[in-house]
Structures are given as structure tokens and as C-alpha cells.
Amino acid sequence: MIKSDNITWHASQVTKQQRQTLLNHKSAVLWFTGLSGSGKSTVANAVERALYEQQVTSYVLDGDNMRFGLNKNLGFSAADRTENIRRIGEVAKLFVDAGTITLTAFISPYRADRDQVRALLDADEFIEVFVDTPLAVCEQRDVKQLYAKARRGEITGFTGIDAPYEAPEKPEITLDTSAQPLEASVAQVMTYLREHGIVPAVTADEE
């Protein structure tokens, strides 16, 4: 709910479509979701590098990084998680309007929160990427020992242990980073972007 009454939305003199034309690609949100340790940030950052190498403007909004600034006043309760995703969704929407491909790497455990972000964008602008890595693999990768602490009861409300993760029902892309190397996951995402006309197709000279 908007608390301020005396505000007016000011439209830009440059449209999203004009920015996309200038940049020679469409803009969209690649929303990476999955358990802690599933590989969301790793894949998102590798995709950003691949986009950069093809001269595509992109930016990663990382879950931990956002909690250093914009969301530093939020914890990990259900209400704070929802507010965390709401804020990120609004930021991602602005990035899309600016013509940028935005990659987000958040556990974002609640389906309703992800759907709320989807509703902010046009039909083809929200690309849900489910990093469907098994819990056992995520625990093996846990360099911060968060899963171990959660199992000992030292951390409460930890997704996958004593807090739920609601998996996407119809994600645009599904990755299992335990079943394929990083390069294959990146290629899978890039293929989707090309096939859906979001980034230009690779020419023979670029292959």
C-alpha cells in the first residue's frame, strides 16, 4: 500500500522499447531460485559473463549483496523474506525498463512472492530459472556450514530444514547443477534467451 497521497508517476520521454533498440537486445528478468548452495549465484554470474562477452547489457542482483544495502534492515522471518523479494522485484522492474537483462539469485522460497514479481512485468519478461539441485548436494557444498548449524538447531527458519521451499510449478528453465557442468547450465540459459528473441542469435563468426 502506498502511504503517500501527494505523488504522481512521471513517465520518461524515452521508452523501454527505445532503450532496447539502442542496446540491440530485449530486457528481462532471469529469476534464479533454489535452495542455499544449489548454484544460483554461480550460474547467474557465469551467465552475466557470457552476456557481456556478447555485448549484452546485464546486471546481477545477488541475495547476499542486497542485504548489505537496500535490504539491510530485513531478517529471515517469513514476513521479511516476502518484503525482501518485493523490494527486489521493484528494483528488477526498473532495470528492465532501463533495457537491462537482470539476473537475480535469491532462494525466494515462497511461490506467491515469485508470482508477485512476475505480475509486475510483461508476460515474456519474467523468466523463472529453477536451480533444482538435490538437498543432499546442497548440504555437501555448504562452505558456511549453515545446513549443519540448522540441523543442530543453532539456526532456525532455514529453508530446506525447518522452513519450507515451494518449488516452481512451471519454470521457464530448470537446471540441476549436480547433473551437468557449469558450462552446460550457462549454455542452457543462453539458448533459451536466443530462441525467445531476447538476445541476438550468435553468428558464424562468433561461434
N, C-alpha and C. Protein backbone atom coordinates (compact mmCIF):
# COMPACT_ATOMS: atom_id res chain seq x y z
N MET A 1 0.84 -1.20 0.00
CA MET A 1 0.00 0.00 0.00
C MET A 1 0.88 1.25 0.00
N ILE A 2 0.55 2.19 -0.87
CA ILE A 2 1.29 3.44 -0.93
C ILE A 2 0.80 4.37 0.18
N LYS A 3 1.73 4.84 1.02
CA LYS A 3 1.36 5.68 2.15
C LYS A 3 1.31 7.16 1.82
N SER A 4 1.97 7.57 0.73
CA SER A 4 1.99 8.97 0.35
C SER A 4 0.85 9.28 -0.60
N ASP A 5 0.14 10.37 -0.34
CA ASP A 5 -1.00 10.75 -1.17
C ASP A 5 -0.61 11.69 -2.31
N ASN A 6 0.30 12.57 -2.03
CA ASN A 6 0.61 13.64 -2.99
C ASN A 6 1.78 13.29 -3.90
N ILE A 7 1.63 12.18 -4.61
CA ILE A 7 2.67 11.77 -5.54
C ILE A 7 2.04 11.46 -6.90
N THR A 8 2.84 11.64 -7.95
CA THR A 8 2.38 11.39 -9.31
C THR A 8 3.45 10.64 -10.06
N TRP A 9 3.03 9.62 -10.83
CA TRP A 9 4.00 8.87 -11.63
C TRP A 9 4.40 9.70 -12.84
N HIS A 10 5.71 9.87 -13.05
CA HIS A 10 6.22 10.66 -14.17
C HIS A 10 6.81 9.72 -15.21
N ALA A 11 6.21 9.71 -16.38
CA ALA A 11 6.68 8.84 -17.46
C ALA A 11 7.93 9.44 -18.11
N SER A 12 8.86 8.56 -18.48
CA SER A 12 10.08 9.00 -19.15
C SER A 12 9.79 9.38 -20.60
N GLN A 13 10.60 10.27 -21.12
CA GLN A 13 10.47 10.64 -22.54
C GLN A 13 11.13 9.61 -23.44
N VAL A 14 11.87 8.69 -22.85
CA VAL A 14 12.49 7.59 -23.59
C VAL A 14 11.81 6.30 -23.15
N THR A 15 11.27 5.55 -24.08
CA THR A 15 10.53 4.34 -23.74
C THR A 15 11.46 3.14 -23.56
N LYS A 16 10.93 2.12 -22.93
CA LYS A 16 11.68 0.88 -22.77
C LYS A 16 12.06 0.31 -24.14
N GLN A 17 11.13 0.35 -25.06
CA GLN A 17 11.40 -0.18 -26.39
C GLN A 17 12.52 0.59 -27.09
N GLN A 18 12.58 1.89 -26.89
CA GLN A 18 13.65 2.69 -27.49
C GLN A 18 15.00 2.33 -26.88
N ARG A 19 15.02 2.08 -25.59
CA ARG A 19 16.27 1.68 -24.94
C ARG A 19 16.72 0.31 -25.46
N GLN A 20 15.77 -0.59 -25.63
CA GLN A 20 16.10 -1.92 -26.15
C GLN A 20 16.66 -1.83 -27.57
N THR A 21 16.07 -0.97 -28.36
CA THR A 21 16.55 -0.77 -29.73
C THR A 21 17.99 -0.24 -29.72
N LEU A 22 18.25 0.70 -28.82
CA LEU A 22 19.59 1.27 -28.70
C LEU A 22 20.61 0.20 -28.32
N LEU A 23 20.20 -0.69 -27.43
CA LEU A 23 21.12 -1.72 -26.92
C LEU A 23 21.16 -2.97 -27.81
N ASN A 24 20.21 -3.08 -28.73
CA ASN A 24 20.14 -4.21 -29.66
C ASN A 24 19.81 -5.53 -28.97
N HIS A 25 19.03 -5.48 -27.91
CA HIS A 25 18.50 -6.70 -27.29
C HIS A 25 17.32 -6.31 -26.40
N LYS A 26 16.49 -7.29 -26.09
CA LYS A 26 15.37 -7.04 -25.20
C LYS A 26 15.84 -7.07 -23.75
N SER A 27 14.97 -6.66 -22.86
CA SER A 27 15.30 -6.73 -21.44
C SER A 27 14.33 -7.69 -20.75
N ALA A 28 14.81 -8.32 -19.69
CA ALA A 28 14.01 -9.31 -18.98
C ALA A 28 14.66 -9.59 -17.63
N VAL A 29 13.93 -10.32 -16.79
CA VAL A 29 14.46 -10.76 -15.51
C VAL A 29 14.66 -12.27 -15.55
N LEU A 30 15.88 -12.70 -15.30
CA LEU A 30 16.17 -14.12 -15.11
C LEU A 30 16.17 -14.35 -13.60
N TRP A 31 15.10 -14.97 -13.10
CA TRP A 31 14.92 -15.12 -11.65
C TRP A 31 15.39 -16.51 -11.24
N PHE A 32 16.63 -16.59 -10.74
CA PHE A 32 17.18 -17.86 -10.28
C PHE A 32 16.68 -18.15 -8.87
N THR A 33 16.02 -19.29 -8.68
CA THR A 33 15.50 -19.67 -7.38
C THR A 33 15.90 -21.11 -7.08
N GLY A 34 16.16 -21.38 -5.82
CA GLY A 34 16.56 -22.72 -5.41
C GLY A 34 17.12 -22.68 -4.00
N LEU A 35 17.44 -23.82 -3.47
CA LEU A 35 17.96 -23.91 -2.11
C LEU A 35 19.33 -23.24 -1.98
N SER A 36 19.69 -22.92 -0.76
CA SER A 36 21.03 -22.42 -0.49
C SER A 36 22.04 -23.47 -0.93
N GLY A 37 23.03 -23.06 -1.70
CA GLY A 37 24.03 -23.99 -2.19
C GLY A 37 23.67 -24.70 -3.48
N SER A 38 22.54 -24.34 -4.06
CA SER A 38 22.11 -25.01 -5.30
C SER A 38 22.93 -24.57 -6.51
N GLY A 39 23.54 -23.40 -6.43
CA GLY A 39 24.34 -22.90 -7.54
C GLY A 39 23.75 -21.68 -8.23
N LYS A 40 22.77 -21.05 -7.60
CA LYS A 40 22.09 -19.89 -8.20
C LYS A 40 23.08 -18.78 -8.56
N SER A 41 23.83 -18.33 -7.58
CA SER A 41 24.75 -17.21 -7.81
C SER A 41 25.84 -17.58 -8.80
N THR A 42 26.35 -18.80 -8.69
CA THR A 42 27.41 -19.24 -9.59
C THR A 42 26.95 -19.20 -11.04
N VAL A 43 25.77 -19.76 -11.30
CA VAL A 43 25.26 -19.78 -12.67
C VAL A 43 24.90 -18.37 -13.14
N ALA A 44 24.25 -17.59 -12.27
CA ALA A 44 23.84 -16.23 -12.65
C ALA A 44 25.04 -15.39 -13.04
N ASN A 45 26.11 -15.48 -12.27
CA ASN A 45 27.30 -14.69 -12.59
C ASN A 45 27.99 -15.19 -13.86
N ALA A 46 27.96 -16.49 -14.09
CA ALA A 46 28.55 -17.03 -15.31
C ALA A 46 27.73 -16.63 -16.54
N VAL A 47 26.42 -16.59 -16.40
CA VAL A 47 25.56 -16.13 -17.50
C VAL A 47 25.82 -14.65 -17.77
N GLU A 48 25.99 -13.87 -16.71
CA GLU A 48 26.29 -12.45 -16.91
C GLU A 48 27.58 -12.29 -17.71
N ARG A 49 28.59 -13.08 -17.41
CA ARG A 49 29.84 -13.01 -18.16
C ARG A 49 29.62 -13.38 -19.62
N ALA A 50 28.81 -14.42 -19.86
CA ALA A 50 28.51 -14.83 -21.23
C ALA A 50 27.77 -13.73 -21.99
N LEU A 51 26.86 -13.06 -21.31
CA LEU A 51 26.13 -11.95 -21.93
C LEU A 51 27.08 -10.78 -22.24
N TYR A 52 27.96 -10.49 -21.30
CA TYR A 52 28.93 -9.41 -21.50
C TYR A 52 29.80 -9.69 -22.73
N GLU A 53 30.21 -10.94 -22.87
CA GLU A 53 31.06 -11.29 -24.00
C GLU A 53 30.33 -11.16 -25.33
N GLN A 54 29.01 -11.15 -25.29
CA GLN A 54 28.22 -10.93 -26.50
C GLN A 54 27.69 -9.49 -26.56
N GLN A 55 28.27 -8.63 -25.73
CA GLN A 55 27.95 -7.20 -25.72
C GLN A 55 26.47 -6.96 -25.38
N VAL A 56 25.97 -7.75 -24.45
CA VAL A 56 24.61 -7.60 -23.94
C VAL A 56 24.67 -6.99 -22.55
N THR A 57 23.90 -5.94 -22.33
CA THR A 57 23.90 -5.24 -21.04
C THR A 57 23.13 -6.05 -20.01
N SER A 58 23.78 -6.37 -18.90
CA SER A 58 23.12 -7.17 -17.87
C SER A 58 23.68 -6.79 -16.50
N TYR A 59 22.96 -7.25 -15.46
CA TYR A 59 23.42 -6.98 -14.08
C TYR A 59 22.84 -8.03 -13.15
N VAL A 60 23.67 -8.50 -12.21
CA VAL A 60 23.23 -9.50 -11.24
C VAL A 60 22.84 -8.82 -9.92
N LEU A 61 21.64 -9.10 -9.46
CA LEU A 61 21.20 -8.71 -8.12
C LEU A 61 21.33 -9.95 -7.24
N ASP A 62 22.35 -9.96 -6.40
CA ASP A 62 22.66 -11.13 -5.58
C ASP A 62 22.00 -11.02 -4.20
N GLY A 63 21.50 -12.14 -3.70
CA GLY A 63 20.78 -12.14 -2.43
C GLY A 63 21.59 -11.57 -1.28
N ASP A 64 22.82 -12.03 -1.09
CA ASP A 64 23.65 -11.52 0.00
C ASP A 64 23.99 -10.06 -0.21
N ASN A 65 24.35 -9.69 -1.44
CA ASN A 65 24.75 -8.30 -1.71
C ASN A 65 23.64 -7.32 -1.39
N MET A 66 22.40 -7.66 -1.72
CA MET A 66 21.29 -6.75 -1.47
C MET A 66 21.05 -6.53 0.00
N ARG A 67 21.44 -7.48 0.83
CA ARG A 67 21.25 -7.34 2.28
C ARG A 67 22.34 -6.48 2.92
N PHE A 68 23.33 -6.08 2.15
CA PHE A 68 24.32 -5.12 2.66
C PHE A 68 23.82 -3.69 2.54
N GLY A 69 22.83 -3.45 1.69
CA GLY A 69 22.37 -2.09 1.45
C GLY A 69 20.88 -1.95 1.53
N LEU A 70 20.21 -2.07 0.38
CA LEU A 70 18.78 -1.83 0.29
C LEU A 70 17.98 -2.61 1.32
N ASN A 71 18.36 -3.86 1.58
CA ASN A 71 17.58 -4.72 2.47
C ASN A 71 18.30 -5.06 3.77
N LYS A 72 19.20 -4.18 4.20
CA LYS A 72 19.97 -4.49 5.40
C LYS A 72 19.14 -4.47 6.69
N ASN A 73 17.94 -3.93 6.62
CA ASN A 73 17.07 -3.90 7.80
C ASN A 73 16.14 -5.11 7.88
N LEU A 74 16.31 -6.06 6.97
CA LEU A 74 15.43 -7.22 6.93
C LEU A 74 16.14 -8.47 7.44
N GLY A 75 15.38 -9.30 8.16
CA GLY A 75 15.89 -10.58 8.62
C GLY A 75 15.41 -11.71 7.74
N PHE A 76 15.16 -12.87 8.35
CA PHE A 76 14.77 -14.05 7.57
C PHE A 76 13.45 -14.65 8.03
N SER A 77 12.64 -13.84 8.68
CA SER A 77 11.28 -14.30 9.00
C SER A 77 10.49 -14.37 7.70
N ALA A 78 9.33 -15.03 7.75
CA ALA A 78 8.51 -15.14 6.55
C ALA A 78 8.13 -13.76 6.02
N ALA A 79 7.78 -12.85 6.95
CA ALA A 79 7.38 -11.50 6.53
C ALA A 79 8.56 -10.75 5.92
N ASP A 80 9.74 -10.89 6.51
CA ASP A 80 10.91 -10.19 5.98
C ASP A 80 11.35 -10.79 4.64
N ARG A 81 11.21 -12.08 4.48
CA ARG A 81 11.54 -12.70 3.20
C ARG A 81 10.62 -12.16 2.10
N THR A 82 9.35 -12.03 2.42
CA THR A 82 8.38 -11.50 1.46
C THR A 82 8.72 -10.07 1.08
N GLU A 83 9.06 -9.25 2.07
CA GLU A 83 9.42 -7.86 1.80
C GLU A 83 10.72 -7.77 1.02
N ASN A 84 11.66 -8.66 1.32
CA ASN A 84 12.93 -8.72 0.60
C ASN A 84 12.68 -8.94 -0.89
N ILE A 85 11.83 -9.89 -1.21
CA ILE A 85 11.54 -10.20 -2.61
C ILE A 85 10.71 -9.09 -3.26
N ARG A 86 9.81 -8.49 -2.51
CA ARG A 86 9.01 -7.39 -3.06
C ARG A 86 9.93 -6.24 -3.51
N ARG A 87 10.87 -5.87 -2.66
CA ARG A 87 11.79 -4.78 -2.99
C ARG A 87 12.63 -5.13 -4.21
N ILE A 88 13.15 -6.35 -4.23
CA ILE A 88 13.98 -6.77 -5.35
C ILE A 88 13.17 -6.77 -6.64
N GLY A 89 11.92 -7.20 -6.54
CA GLY A 89 11.06 -7.20 -7.72
C GLY A 89 10.89 -5.80 -8.29
N GLU A 90 10.71 -4.82 -7.42
CA GLU A 90 10.55 -3.44 -7.88
C GLU A 90 11.84 -2.92 -8.51
N VAL A 91 12.98 -3.27 -7.92
CA VAL A 91 14.26 -2.87 -8.49
C VAL A 91 14.46 -3.53 -9.86
N ALA A 92 14.15 -4.82 -9.94
CA ALA A 92 14.30 -5.54 -11.20
C ALA A 92 13.42 -4.94 -12.29
N LYS A 93 12.23 -4.51 -11.91
CA LYS A 93 11.33 -3.88 -12.88
C LYS A 93 11.95 -2.61 -13.45
N LEU A 94 12.61 -1.83 -12.61
CA LEU A 94 13.27 -0.61 -13.08
C LEU A 94 14.43 -0.95 -14.03
N PHE A 95 15.18 -2.00 -13.71
CA PHE A 95 16.27 -2.42 -14.58
C PHE A 95 15.74 -2.84 -15.94
N VAL A 96 14.61 -3.55 -15.95
CA VAL A 96 14.01 -3.97 -17.22
C VAL A 96 13.58 -2.75 -18.02
N ASP A 97 13.01 -1.76 -17.35
CA ASP A 97 12.59 -0.54 -18.03
C ASP A 97 13.80 0.18 -18.62
N ALA A 98 14.95 0.02 -17.97
CA ALA A 98 16.18 0.64 -18.46
C ALA A 98 16.81 -0.14 -19.61
N GLY A 99 16.21 -1.28 -19.98
CA GLY A 99 16.70 -2.06 -21.11
C GLY A 99 17.72 -3.11 -20.75
N THR A 100 17.88 -3.39 -19.46
CA THR A 100 18.91 -4.30 -18.98
C THR A 100 18.35 -5.69 -18.70
N ILE A 101 19.11 -6.72 -19.06
CA ILE A 101 18.77 -8.07 -18.63
C ILE A 101 19.24 -8.22 -17.19
N THR A 102 18.31 -8.48 -16.31
CA THR A 102 18.59 -8.52 -14.87
C THR A 102 18.56 -9.96 -14.38
N LEU A 103 19.62 -10.37 -13.71
CA LEU A 103 19.70 -11.72 -13.17
C LEU A 103 19.62 -11.63 -11.65
N THR A 104 18.69 -12.34 -11.04
CA THR A 104 18.58 -12.32 -9.59
C THR A 104 18.88 -13.70 -9.04
N ALA A 105 19.58 -13.74 -7.92
CA ALA A 105 19.93 -15.01 -7.29
C ALA A 105 19.46 -14.97 -5.84
N PHE A 106 18.24 -15.44 -5.62
CA PHE A 106 17.62 -15.46 -4.30
C PHE A 106 16.97 -16.81 -4.07
N ILE A 107 17.04 -17.30 -2.84
CA ILE A 107 16.31 -18.52 -2.52
C ILE A 107 14.84 -18.32 -2.86
N SER A 108 14.30 -17.18 -2.48
CA SER A 108 12.89 -16.82 -2.72
C SER A 108 11.99 -18.05 -2.57
N PRO A 109 11.84 -18.54 -1.34
CA PRO A 109 11.21 -19.85 -1.13
C PRO A 109 9.71 -19.91 -1.37
N TYR A 110 9.04 -18.75 -1.37
CA TYR A 110 7.59 -18.77 -1.45
C TYR A 110 7.11 -18.48 -2.87
N ARG A 111 6.29 -19.38 -3.37
CA ARG A 111 5.78 -19.28 -4.74
C ARG A 111 5.01 -17.98 -4.95
N ALA A 112 4.22 -17.59 -3.96
CA ALA A 112 3.40 -16.38 -4.09
C ALA A 112 4.26 -15.13 -4.25
N ASP A 113 5.40 -15.10 -3.58
CA ASP A 113 6.30 -13.94 -3.70
C ASP A 113 6.89 -13.86 -5.10
N ARG A 114 7.29 -15.01 -5.64
CA ARG A 114 7.84 -15.02 -7.01
C ARG A 114 6.76 -14.65 -8.02
N ASP A 115 5.56 -15.14 -7.80
CA ASP A 115 4.46 -14.81 -8.71
C ASP A 115 4.12 -13.32 -8.65
N GLN A 116 4.30 -12.72 -7.48
CA GLN A 116 4.04 -11.28 -7.35
C GLN A 116 5.03 -10.48 -8.20
N VAL A 117 6.27 -10.93 -8.25
CA VAL A 117 7.26 -10.26 -9.10
C VAL A 117 6.90 -10.47 -10.56
N ARG A 118 6.51 -11.68 -10.90
CA ARG A 118 6.11 -11.96 -12.29
C ARG A 118 5.00 -11.01 -12.73
N ALA A 119 4.07 -10.73 -11.81
CA ALA A 119 2.92 -9.89 -12.14
C ALA A 119 3.32 -8.44 -12.40
N LEU A 120 4.51 -8.03 -11.94
CA LEU A 120 4.98 -6.66 -12.17
C LEU A 120 5.43 -6.43 -13.60
N LEU A 121 5.74 -7.52 -14.30
CA LEU A 121 6.39 -7.44 -15.59
C LEU A 121 5.48 -7.92 -16.71
N ASP A 122 5.87 -7.61 -17.94
CA ASP A 122 5.12 -8.12 -19.08
C ASP A 122 5.28 -9.64 -19.17
N ALA A 123 4.40 -10.26 -19.93
CA ALA A 123 4.30 -11.72 -19.95
C ALA A 123 5.61 -12.43 -20.27
N ASP A 124 6.42 -11.86 -21.16
CA ASP A 124 7.65 -12.52 -21.59
C ASP A 124 8.90 -12.00 -20.90
N GLU A 125 8.72 -11.18 -19.87
CA GLU A 125 9.87 -10.53 -19.24
C GLU A 125 10.33 -11.22 -17.96
N PHE A 126 9.56 -12.13 -17.41
CA PHE A 126 9.94 -12.84 -16.19
C PHE A 126 10.26 -14.28 -16.56
N ILE A 127 11.53 -14.64 -16.40
CA ILE A 127 12.00 -15.98 -16.75
C ILE A 127 12.44 -16.66 -15.46
N GLU A 128 11.62 -17.58 -14.98
CA GLU A 128 11.92 -18.27 -13.73
C GLU A 128 12.88 -19.42 -14.01
N VAL A 129 14.03 -19.37 -13.35
CA VAL A 129 15.05 -20.40 -13.52
C VAL A 129 15.15 -21.20 -12.23
N PHE A 130 14.61 -22.40 -12.25
CA PHE A 130 14.60 -23.25 -11.06
C PHE A 130 15.89 -24.05 -11.03
N VAL A 131 16.76 -23.75 -10.05
CA VAL A 131 18.01 -24.49 -9.89
C VAL A 131 17.69 -25.66 -8.97
N ASP A 132 17.30 -26.75 -9.58
CA ASP A 132 16.72 -27.90 -8.89
C ASP A 132 17.81 -28.89 -8.47
N THR A 133 18.70 -28.42 -7.61
CA THR A 133 19.79 -29.25 -7.12
C THR A 133 19.35 -29.96 -5.84
N PRO A 134 19.56 -31.28 -5.73
CA PRO A 134 19.09 -32.02 -4.55
C PRO A 134 19.64 -31.45 -3.24
N LEU A 135 18.83 -31.55 -2.20
CA LEU A 135 19.21 -31.04 -0.89
C LEU A 135 20.53 -31.64 -0.42
N ALA A 136 20.72 -32.94 -0.62
CA ALA A 136 21.95 -33.59 -0.16
C ALA A 136 23.19 -32.97 -0.79
N VAL A 137 23.09 -32.61 -2.06
CA VAL A 137 24.22 -31.98 -2.76
C VAL A 137 24.45 -30.58 -2.21
N CYS A 138 23.37 -29.86 -1.97
CA CYS A 138 23.49 -28.51 -1.41
C CYS A 138 24.18 -28.55 -0.05
N GLU A 139 23.86 -29.53 0.75
CA GLU A 139 24.50 -29.66 2.06
C GLU A 139 25.98 -29.98 1.92
N GLN A 140 26.34 -30.79 0.96
CA GLN A 140 27.76 -31.13 0.75
C GLN A 140 28.57 -29.91 0.34
N ARG A 141 27.93 -28.97 -0.35
CA ARG A 141 28.63 -27.77 -0.83
C ARG A 141 28.68 -26.66 0.21
N ASP A 142 28.09 -26.85 1.35
CA ASP A 142 27.82 -25.78 2.31
C ASP A 142 29.09 -25.31 3.02
N VAL A 143 29.83 -24.41 2.37
CA VAL A 143 31.09 -23.92 2.95
C VAL A 143 30.86 -23.10 4.22
N LYS A 144 29.69 -22.47 4.33
CA LYS A 144 29.38 -21.68 5.52
C LYS A 144 28.86 -22.53 6.68
N GLN A 145 28.65 -23.82 6.41
CA GLN A 145 28.14 -24.75 7.43
C GLN A 145 26.77 -24.34 7.96
N LEU A 146 25.97 -23.69 7.12
CA LEU A 146 24.64 -23.23 7.55
C LEU A 146 23.69 -24.40 7.74
N TYR A 147 23.76 -25.37 6.84
CA TYR A 147 22.88 -26.54 6.99
C TYR A 147 23.21 -27.29 8.28
N ALA A 148 24.49 -27.46 8.56
CA ALA A 148 24.90 -28.16 9.78
C ALA A 148 24.40 -27.43 11.02
N LYS A 149 24.51 -26.10 11.01
CA LYS A 149 24.03 -25.31 12.14
C LYS A 149 22.51 -25.43 12.28
N ALA A 150 21.82 -25.45 11.13
CA ALA A 150 20.36 -25.58 11.17
C ALA A 150 19.95 -26.93 11.72
N ARG A 151 20.67 -27.97 11.33
CA ARG A 151 20.33 -29.31 11.83
C ARG A 151 20.62 -29.45 13.31
N ARG A 152 21.58 -28.67 13.81
CA ARG A 152 21.88 -28.68 15.25
C ARG A 152 20.96 -27.75 16.02
N GLY A 153 20.12 -27.00 15.32
CA GLY A 153 19.22 -26.08 15.98
C GLY A 153 19.82 -24.74 16.31
N GLU A 154 21.04 -24.48 15.80
CA GLU A 154 21.70 -23.21 16.07
C GLU A 154 21.13 -22.09 15.20
N ILE A 155 20.54 -22.46 14.06
CA ILE A 155 19.85 -21.53 13.17
C ILE A 155 18.43 -22.04 12.99
N THR A 156 17.46 -21.16 13.13
CA THR A 156 16.07 -21.57 12.92
C THR A 156 15.50 -20.86 11.69
N GLY A 157 14.47 -21.46 11.13
CA GLY A 157 13.85 -20.89 9.94
C GLY A 157 14.71 -21.01 8.71
N PHE A 158 15.51 -22.08 8.63
CA PHE A 158 16.43 -22.25 7.50
C PHE A 158 15.73 -23.06 6.42
N THR A 159 15.69 -22.50 5.23
CA THR A 159 14.97 -23.13 4.12
C THR A 159 15.54 -24.50 3.79
N GLY A 160 14.65 -25.48 3.71
CA GLY A 160 15.04 -26.85 3.39
C GLY A 160 15.21 -27.72 4.61
N ILE A 161 15.33 -27.08 5.79
CA ILE A 161 15.49 -27.84 7.04
C ILE A 161 14.25 -27.67 7.90
N ASP A 162 14.05 -26.48 8.44
CA ASP A 162 12.84 -26.26 9.26
C ASP A 162 11.98 -25.13 8.72
N ALA A 163 12.22 -24.74 7.48
CA ALA A 163 11.38 -23.77 6.78
C ALA A 163 11.15 -24.30 5.37
N PRO A 164 9.98 -24.06 4.80
CA PRO A 164 9.64 -24.67 3.52
C PRO A 164 10.29 -24.00 2.32
N TYR A 165 10.44 -24.79 1.26
CA TYR A 165 10.78 -24.24 -0.05
C TYR A 165 9.71 -24.72 -1.02
N GLU A 166 9.01 -23.77 -1.63
CA GLU A 166 7.94 -24.10 -2.56
C GLU A 166 8.51 -24.04 -3.98
N ALA A 167 8.76 -25.19 -4.54
CA ALA A 167 9.38 -25.27 -5.86
C ALA A 167 8.46 -24.70 -6.94
N PRO A 168 9.02 -24.09 -7.97
CA PRO A 168 8.20 -23.60 -9.08
C PRO A 168 7.42 -24.73 -9.73
N GLU A 169 6.20 -24.43 -10.14
CA GLU A 169 5.37 -25.44 -10.79
C GLU A 169 5.62 -25.51 -12.29
N LYS A 170 5.84 -24.35 -12.90
CA LYS A 170 6.08 -24.30 -14.35
C LYS A 170 7.20 -23.30 -14.67
N PRO A 171 8.42 -23.58 -14.22
CA PRO A 171 9.51 -22.65 -14.52
C PRO A 171 9.83 -22.64 -16.00
N GLU A 172 10.31 -21.51 -16.48
CA GLU A 172 10.73 -21.44 -17.87
C GLU A 172 11.97 -22.30 -18.12
N ILE A 173 12.86 -22.35 -17.14
CA ILE A 173 14.10 -23.12 -17.26
C ILE A 173 14.31 -23.91 -15.97
N THR A 174 14.74 -25.16 -16.08
CA THR A 174 15.11 -25.96 -14.91
C THR A 174 16.55 -26.44 -15.08
N LEU A 175 17.36 -26.19 -14.07
CA LEU A 175 18.76 -26.61 -14.08
C LEU A 175 19.02 -27.54 -12.90
N ASP A 176 19.88 -28.51 -13.08
CA ASP A 176 20.37 -29.33 -11.97
C ASP A 176 21.88 -29.28 -12.03
N THR A 177 22.46 -28.45 -11.18
CA THR A 177 23.91 -28.24 -11.26
C THR A 177 24.70 -29.44 -10.76
N SER A 178 24.01 -30.44 -10.18
CA SER A 178 24.70 -31.66 -9.78
C SER A 178 24.81 -32.64 -10.92
N ALA A 179 24.03 -32.42 -11.98
CA ALA A 179 23.96 -33.37 -13.08
C ALA A 179 24.68 -32.88 -14.33
N GLN A 180 25.08 -31.61 -14.35
CA GLN A 180 25.78 -31.09 -15.53
C GLN A 180 26.77 -30.02 -15.09
N PRO A 181 27.85 -29.83 -15.87
CA PRO A 181 28.85 -28.82 -15.50
C PRO A 181 28.29 -27.41 -15.68
N LEU A 182 28.99 -26.46 -15.09
CA LEU A 182 28.56 -25.07 -15.15
C LEU A 182 28.37 -24.60 -16.58
N GLU A 183 29.29 -24.98 -17.46
CA GLU A 183 29.22 -24.54 -18.85
C GLU A 183 27.91 -24.97 -19.52
N ALA A 184 27.42 -26.17 -19.17
CA ALA A 184 26.19 -26.67 -19.75
C ALA A 184 24.99 -25.89 -19.24
N SER A 185 25.01 -25.51 -17.96
CA SER A 185 23.92 -24.71 -17.41
C SER A 185 23.87 -23.34 -18.06
N VAL A 186 25.04 -22.74 -18.25
CA VAL A 186 25.11 -21.43 -18.91
C VAL A 186 24.59 -21.54 -20.34
N ALA A 187 25.02 -22.58 -21.04
CA ALA A 187 24.58 -22.78 -22.42
C ALA A 187 23.07 -22.97 -22.49
N GLN A 188 22.50 -23.66 -21.51
CA GLN A 188 21.05 -23.89 -21.48
C GLN A 188 20.29 -22.57 -21.37
N VAL A 189 20.78 -21.69 -20.49
CA VAL A 189 20.14 -20.39 -20.30
C VAL A 189 20.31 -19.53 -21.55
N MET A 190 21.51 -19.50 -22.10
CA MET A 190 21.77 -18.68 -23.28
C MET A 190 20.95 -19.15 -24.48
N THR A 191 20.78 -20.45 -24.62
CA THR A 191 19.96 -20.99 -25.71
C THR A 191 18.52 -20.51 -25.57
N TYR A 192 18.01 -20.53 -24.35
CA TYR A 192 16.64 -20.05 -24.12
C TYR A 192 16.52 -18.58 -24.54
N LEU A 193 17.47 -17.77 -24.15
CA LEU A 193 17.41 -16.34 -24.46
C LEU A 193 17.45 -16.09 -25.96
N ARG A 194 18.25 -16.86 -26.68
CA ARG A 194 18.32 -16.71 -28.13
C ARG A 194 17.04 -17.20 -28.80
N GLU A 195 16.56 -18.37 -28.38
CA GLU A 195 15.38 -18.95 -29.01
C GLU A 195 14.14 -18.10 -28.80
N HIS A 196 14.10 -17.32 -27.72
CA HIS A 196 12.95 -16.47 -27.44
C HIS A 196 13.17 -15.02 -27.86
N GLY A 197 14.23 -14.78 -28.62
CA GLY A 197 14.45 -13.47 -29.21
C GLY A 197 14.83 -12.38 -28.23
N ILE A 198 15.34 -12.77 -27.07
CA ILE A 198 15.72 -11.77 -26.06
C ILE A 198 17.12 -11.23 -26.35
N VAL A 199 18.01 -12.10 -26.78
CA VAL A 199 19.34 -11.65 -27.22
C VAL A 199 19.53 -12.11 -28.66
N PRO A 200 20.38 -11.44 -29.41
CA PRO A 200 20.59 -11.82 -30.82
C PRO A 200 21.20 -13.21 -30.93
N ALA A 201 20.89 -13.86 -32.02
CA ALA A 201 21.48 -15.17 -32.30
C ALA A 201 22.98 -15.01 -32.56
N VAL A 202 23.73 -16.02 -32.22
CA VAL A 202 25.18 -15.98 -32.44
C VAL A 202 25.46 -16.23 -33.92
N THR A 203 26.29 -15.37 -34.51
CA THR A 203 26.67 -15.53 -35.91
C THR A 203 27.79 -16.55 -36.03
N ALA A 204 28.03 -16.99 -37.25
CA ALA A 204 29.08 -17.99 -37.50
C ALA A 204 30.45 -17.46 -37.06
N ASP A 205 30.67 -16.16 -37.22
CA ASP A 205 31.97 -15.58 -36.84
C ASP A 205 32.17 -15.58 -35.34
N GLU A 206 31.06 -15.59 -34.56
CA GLU A 206 31.18 -15.51 -33.10
C GLU A 206 31.28 -16.88 -32.46
N GLU A 207 30.97 -17.93 -33.18
CA GLU A 207 30.99 -19.27 -32.61
C GLU A 207 32.42 -19.76 -32.37
